[in-house]
N, C-alpha and C. Protein backbone atom coordinates (compact mmCIF):
# COMPACT_ATOMS: atom_id res chain seq x y z
N UNK A 1 104.01 -78.57 162.03
CA UNK A 1 103.65 -79.64 161.14
C UNK A 1 103.30 -80.86 161.92
N UNK A 2 102.26 -81.51 161.53
CA UNK A 2 101.90 -82.78 162.20
C UNK A 2 101.94 -83.87 161.01
N UNK A 3 103.04 -84.67 161.05
CA UNK A 3 103.28 -85.69 160.08
C UNK A 3 102.08 -86.65 159.95
N UNK A 4 101.30 -86.79 160.92
CA UNK A 4 100.21 -87.79 160.90
C UNK A 4 99.00 -87.20 160.01
N UNK A 5 99.05 -85.97 159.66
CA UNK A 5 98.01 -85.36 158.89
C UNK A 5 98.18 -85.77 157.33
N UNK A 6 99.49 -85.91 156.94
CA UNK A 6 99.70 -86.21 155.54
C UNK A 6 100.53 -87.50 155.29
N UNK A 7 99.78 -88.51 155.44
CA UNK A 7 100.35 -89.85 155.26
C UNK A 7 99.64 -90.59 154.09
N UNK A 8 100.34 -91.07 153.14
CA UNK A 8 99.77 -91.75 151.97
C UNK A 8 100.45 -93.06 151.73
N UNK A 9 99.80 -94.04 151.33
CA UNK A 9 100.40 -95.31 150.97
C UNK A 9 101.13 -95.19 149.56
N UNK A 10 102.07 -96.04 149.30
CA UNK A 10 102.92 -95.94 148.13
C UNK A 10 101.97 -96.16 146.89
N UNK A 11 100.90 -96.83 147.00
CA UNK A 11 100.01 -97.12 145.97
C UNK A 11 99.39 -95.77 145.42
N UNK A 12 99.15 -94.82 146.42
CA UNK A 12 98.60 -93.49 146.02
C UNK A 12 99.73 -92.70 145.28
N UNK A 13 100.95 -92.88 145.78
CA UNK A 13 102.08 -92.16 144.98
C UNK A 13 102.12 -92.75 143.60
N UNK A 14 101.99 -94.07 143.40
CA UNK A 14 102.08 -94.70 142.05
C UNK A 14 100.92 -94.20 141.17
N UNK A 15 99.79 -94.12 141.76
CA UNK A 15 98.52 -93.77 141.02
C UNK A 15 98.36 -92.31 140.77
N UNK A 16 98.81 -91.47 141.72
CA UNK A 16 98.52 -89.99 141.66
C UNK A 16 99.64 -89.22 142.12
N UNK A 17 100.83 -89.46 141.55
CA UNK A 17 102.02 -88.71 141.91
C UNK A 17 101.89 -87.23 141.68
N UNK A 18 101.36 -86.84 140.55
CA UNK A 18 101.19 -85.41 140.20
C UNK A 18 100.34 -84.67 141.32
N UNK A 19 99.27 -85.29 141.70
CA UNK A 19 98.38 -84.74 142.78
C UNK A 19 99.14 -84.65 144.04
N UNK A 20 99.97 -85.64 144.46
CA UNK A 20 100.69 -85.55 145.68
C UNK A 20 101.71 -84.44 145.62
N UNK A 21 102.35 -84.34 144.48
CA UNK A 21 103.37 -83.28 144.39
C UNK A 21 102.69 -81.90 144.42
N UNK A 22 101.61 -81.69 143.82
CA UNK A 22 100.80 -80.41 143.88
C UNK A 22 100.44 -80.21 145.38
N UNK A 23 99.94 -81.21 146.10
CA UNK A 23 99.57 -81.04 147.50
C UNK A 23 100.77 -80.62 148.33
N UNK A 24 101.90 -81.26 148.16
CA UNK A 24 103.05 -80.95 148.91
C UNK A 24 103.49 -79.53 148.63
N UNK A 25 103.46 -79.10 147.44
CA UNK A 25 103.79 -77.73 147.08
C UNK A 25 102.89 -76.70 147.68
N UNK A 26 101.54 -77.03 147.61
CA UNK A 26 100.53 -76.14 148.02
C UNK A 26 100.68 -75.93 149.63
N UNK A 27 100.80 -77.07 150.34
CA UNK A 27 100.82 -77.01 151.77
C UNK A 27 102.21 -76.68 152.35
N UNK A 28 103.26 -76.74 151.50
CA UNK A 28 104.54 -76.38 151.97
C UNK A 28 105.01 -77.31 153.07
N UNK A 29 104.52 -78.54 153.01
CA UNK A 29 104.91 -79.51 153.97
C UNK A 29 105.09 -80.85 153.42
N UNK A 30 105.77 -81.73 154.08
CA UNK A 30 106.05 -83.09 153.57
C UNK A 30 104.81 -84.01 153.60
N UNK A 31 104.91 -84.99 152.75
CA UNK A 31 103.87 -86.05 152.79
C UNK A 31 104.68 -87.33 152.98
N UNK A 32 104.26 -88.05 154.06
CA UNK A 32 104.90 -89.28 154.41
C UNK A 32 104.30 -90.42 153.54
N UNK A 33 105.18 -91.14 152.90
CA UNK A 33 104.78 -92.27 152.18
C UNK A 33 105.04 -93.53 152.90
N UNK A 34 103.98 -94.48 152.93
CA UNK A 34 104.16 -95.69 153.65
C UNK A 34 104.23 -96.82 152.59
N UNK A 35 104.87 -97.89 153.11
CA UNK A 35 104.93 -99.15 152.38
C UNK A 35 104.65 -100.17 153.40
N UNK A 36 103.70 -101.05 153.14
CA UNK A 36 103.28 -102.17 154.04
C UNK A 36 102.94 -101.53 155.38
N UNK A 37 102.30 -100.39 155.48
CA UNK A 37 101.81 -99.73 156.64
C UNK A 37 102.95 -99.02 157.48
N UNK A 38 104.16 -99.02 157.00
CA UNK A 38 105.25 -98.39 157.77
C UNK A 38 105.77 -97.16 156.93
N UNK A 39 106.09 -96.12 157.65
CA UNK A 39 106.67 -94.91 156.91
C UNK A 39 108.03 -95.24 156.32
N UNK A 40 108.23 -95.00 154.98
CA UNK A 40 109.44 -95.34 154.31
C UNK A 40 110.04 -94.22 153.51
N UNK A 41 109.33 -93.16 153.24
CA UNK A 41 109.84 -92.05 152.50
C UNK A 41 109.04 -90.77 152.72
N UNK A 42 109.59 -89.64 152.37
CA UNK A 42 108.95 -88.37 152.53
C UNK A 42 108.97 -87.59 151.19
N UNK A 43 107.86 -87.08 150.74
CA UNK A 43 107.75 -86.33 149.55
C UNK A 43 107.51 -84.90 149.91
N UNK A 44 108.36 -84.00 149.44
CA UNK A 44 108.20 -82.52 149.71
C UNK A 44 108.71 -81.74 148.48
N UNK A 45 108.12 -80.57 148.39
CA UNK A 45 108.49 -79.67 147.24
C UNK A 45 109.87 -79.18 147.38
N UNK A 46 110.47 -78.70 146.27
CA UNK A 46 111.86 -78.27 146.23
C UNK A 46 112.03 -77.11 147.20
N UNK A 47 111.13 -76.12 147.13
CA UNK A 47 111.24 -74.93 147.93
C UNK A 47 111.36 -75.29 149.42
N UNK A 48 110.45 -76.13 149.93
CA UNK A 48 110.52 -76.52 151.35
C UNK A 48 111.80 -77.29 151.63
N UNK A 49 112.26 -78.14 150.69
CA UNK A 49 113.49 -78.92 150.88
C UNK A 49 114.67 -77.91 151.03
N UNK A 50 114.78 -76.92 150.10
CA UNK A 50 115.89 -76.01 150.18
C UNK A 50 115.88 -75.22 151.52
N UNK A 51 114.68 -74.74 151.93
CA UNK A 51 114.58 -74.04 153.24
C UNK A 51 115.06 -74.86 154.37
N UNK A 52 114.64 -76.20 154.31
CA UNK A 52 115.02 -77.04 155.42
C UNK A 52 116.53 -77.19 155.41
N UNK A 53 117.13 -77.44 154.21
CA UNK A 53 118.66 -77.55 154.13
C UNK A 53 119.37 -76.28 154.61
N UNK A 54 118.84 -75.13 154.26
CA UNK A 54 119.50 -73.87 154.73
C UNK A 54 119.32 -73.80 156.31
N UNK A 55 118.25 -74.18 156.81
CA UNK A 55 118.09 -74.18 158.28
C UNK A 55 119.14 -75.12 158.94
N UNK A 56 119.28 -76.28 158.33
CA UNK A 56 120.24 -77.21 158.85
C UNK A 56 121.63 -76.72 158.80
N UNK A 57 122.00 -76.07 157.73
CA UNK A 57 123.31 -75.46 157.57
C UNK A 57 123.58 -74.45 158.69
N UNK A 58 122.52 -73.58 158.88
CA UNK A 58 122.78 -72.51 159.90
C UNK A 58 122.81 -73.16 161.33
N UNK A 59 122.04 -74.25 161.60
CA UNK A 59 122.18 -74.95 162.89
C UNK A 59 123.58 -75.52 163.12
N UNK A 60 124.13 -76.07 161.95
CA UNK A 60 125.45 -76.66 161.99
C UNK A 60 126.48 -75.58 162.32
N UNK A 61 126.35 -74.45 161.71
CA UNK A 61 127.28 -73.35 161.97
C UNK A 61 127.18 -72.93 163.39
N UNK A 62 126.01 -72.79 163.94
CA UNK A 62 125.80 -72.37 165.38
C UNK A 62 126.50 -73.38 166.32
N UNK A 63 126.23 -74.64 166.01
CA UNK A 63 126.94 -75.77 166.75
C UNK A 63 128.40 -75.67 166.71
N UNK A 64 128.95 -75.44 165.53
CA UNK A 64 130.48 -75.25 165.42
C UNK A 64 130.93 -74.01 166.22
N UNK A 65 130.18 -72.96 166.14
CA UNK A 65 130.51 -71.74 166.93
C UNK A 65 130.52 -71.99 168.41
N UNK A 66 129.53 -72.76 168.87
CA UNK A 66 129.52 -73.08 170.31
C UNK A 66 130.70 -73.93 170.70
N UNK A 67 131.01 -74.88 169.80
CA UNK A 67 132.21 -75.61 170.05
C UNK A 67 133.42 -74.93 170.16
N UNK A 68 133.62 -73.94 169.17
CA UNK A 68 134.76 -73.09 169.19
C UNK A 68 134.82 -72.23 170.50
N UNK A 69 133.68 -71.71 170.92
CA UNK A 69 133.61 -70.86 172.11
C UNK A 69 134.03 -71.73 173.32
N UNK A 70 133.45 -72.84 173.49
CA UNK A 70 133.82 -73.74 174.60
C UNK A 70 135.21 -74.08 174.64
N UNK A 71 135.87 -74.18 173.49
CA UNK A 71 137.30 -74.66 173.36
C UNK A 71 138.21 -73.41 173.47
N UNK A 72 137.63 -72.25 173.63
CA UNK A 72 138.49 -70.98 173.75
C UNK A 72 138.95 -70.50 172.43
N UNK A 73 138.47 -70.99 171.33
CA UNK A 73 138.88 -70.44 169.97
C UNK A 73 137.95 -69.25 169.66
N UNK A 74 138.33 -68.09 170.27
CA UNK A 74 137.52 -66.91 170.04
C UNK A 74 138.37 -65.73 169.69
N UNK A 75 137.74 -64.74 169.10
CA UNK A 75 138.42 -63.51 168.75
C UNK A 75 137.61 -62.36 169.30
N UNK A 76 138.25 -61.21 169.51
CA UNK A 76 137.48 -59.96 169.89
C UNK A 76 136.87 -59.44 168.61
N UNK A 77 135.85 -58.59 168.78
CA UNK A 77 135.29 -57.89 167.64
C UNK A 77 136.32 -57.23 166.74
N UNK A 78 137.23 -56.59 167.35
CA UNK A 78 138.27 -55.82 166.61
C UNK A 78 139.10 -56.79 165.77
N UNK A 79 139.60 -57.97 166.41
CA UNK A 79 140.29 -58.88 165.67
C UNK A 79 139.51 -59.51 164.52
N UNK A 80 138.23 -59.79 164.72
CA UNK A 80 137.43 -60.37 163.68
C UNK A 80 137.28 -59.38 162.52
N UNK A 81 137.01 -58.09 162.86
CA UNK A 81 136.93 -57.07 161.73
C UNK A 81 138.18 -56.95 160.90
N UNK A 82 139.35 -56.89 161.61
CA UNK A 82 140.61 -56.92 160.97
C UNK A 82 140.80 -58.08 160.07
N UNK A 83 140.51 -59.25 160.50
CA UNK A 83 140.60 -60.50 159.69
C UNK A 83 139.69 -60.35 158.51
N UNK A 84 138.49 -59.99 158.66
CA UNK A 84 137.49 -59.93 157.57
C UNK A 84 138.01 -58.91 156.60
N UNK A 85 138.47 -57.76 157.02
CA UNK A 85 138.90 -56.71 156.09
C UNK A 85 140.06 -57.27 155.28
N UNK A 86 141.06 -57.97 155.89
CA UNK A 86 142.19 -58.50 155.18
C UNK A 86 141.64 -59.52 154.04
N UNK A 87 140.81 -60.32 154.44
CA UNK A 87 140.25 -61.38 153.43
C UNK A 87 139.52 -60.62 152.35
N UNK A 88 138.70 -59.65 152.62
CA UNK A 88 138.08 -58.86 151.56
C UNK A 88 139.02 -58.26 150.67
N UNK A 89 140.09 -57.62 151.09
CA UNK A 89 141.07 -56.93 150.41
C UNK A 89 141.73 -57.98 149.44
N UNK A 90 142.01 -59.17 149.91
CA UNK A 90 142.64 -60.20 149.01
C UNK A 90 141.76 -60.47 147.81
N UNK A 91 140.46 -60.57 148.10
CA UNK A 91 139.47 -60.93 147.00
C UNK A 91 139.25 -59.78 146.04
N UNK A 92 139.55 -58.61 146.50
CA UNK A 92 139.37 -57.43 145.61
C UNK A 92 140.51 -57.32 144.62
N UNK A 93 141.69 -57.90 144.99
CA UNK A 93 142.92 -57.70 144.24
C UNK A 93 142.83 -58.47 142.87
């Protein structure tokens, strides 16, 4: 995505919001809204927003996993399977 391709002034948002929303949905990419010539907001469709949030959650989980690994907070595969099975059994009760 090249943010410089989809930049619109706030006046366009005020005048043609529905068109900008349709464009964001069609292109599956954000539109940068400027005010006084400076970027101030981003308009994107809900699907793209949700995908972005999910990707950020996954990246956060990976970062936490790396921190745990570096701190020595690890389990063997057998230990992890046992722990998961116990938790699943509790939820089935």
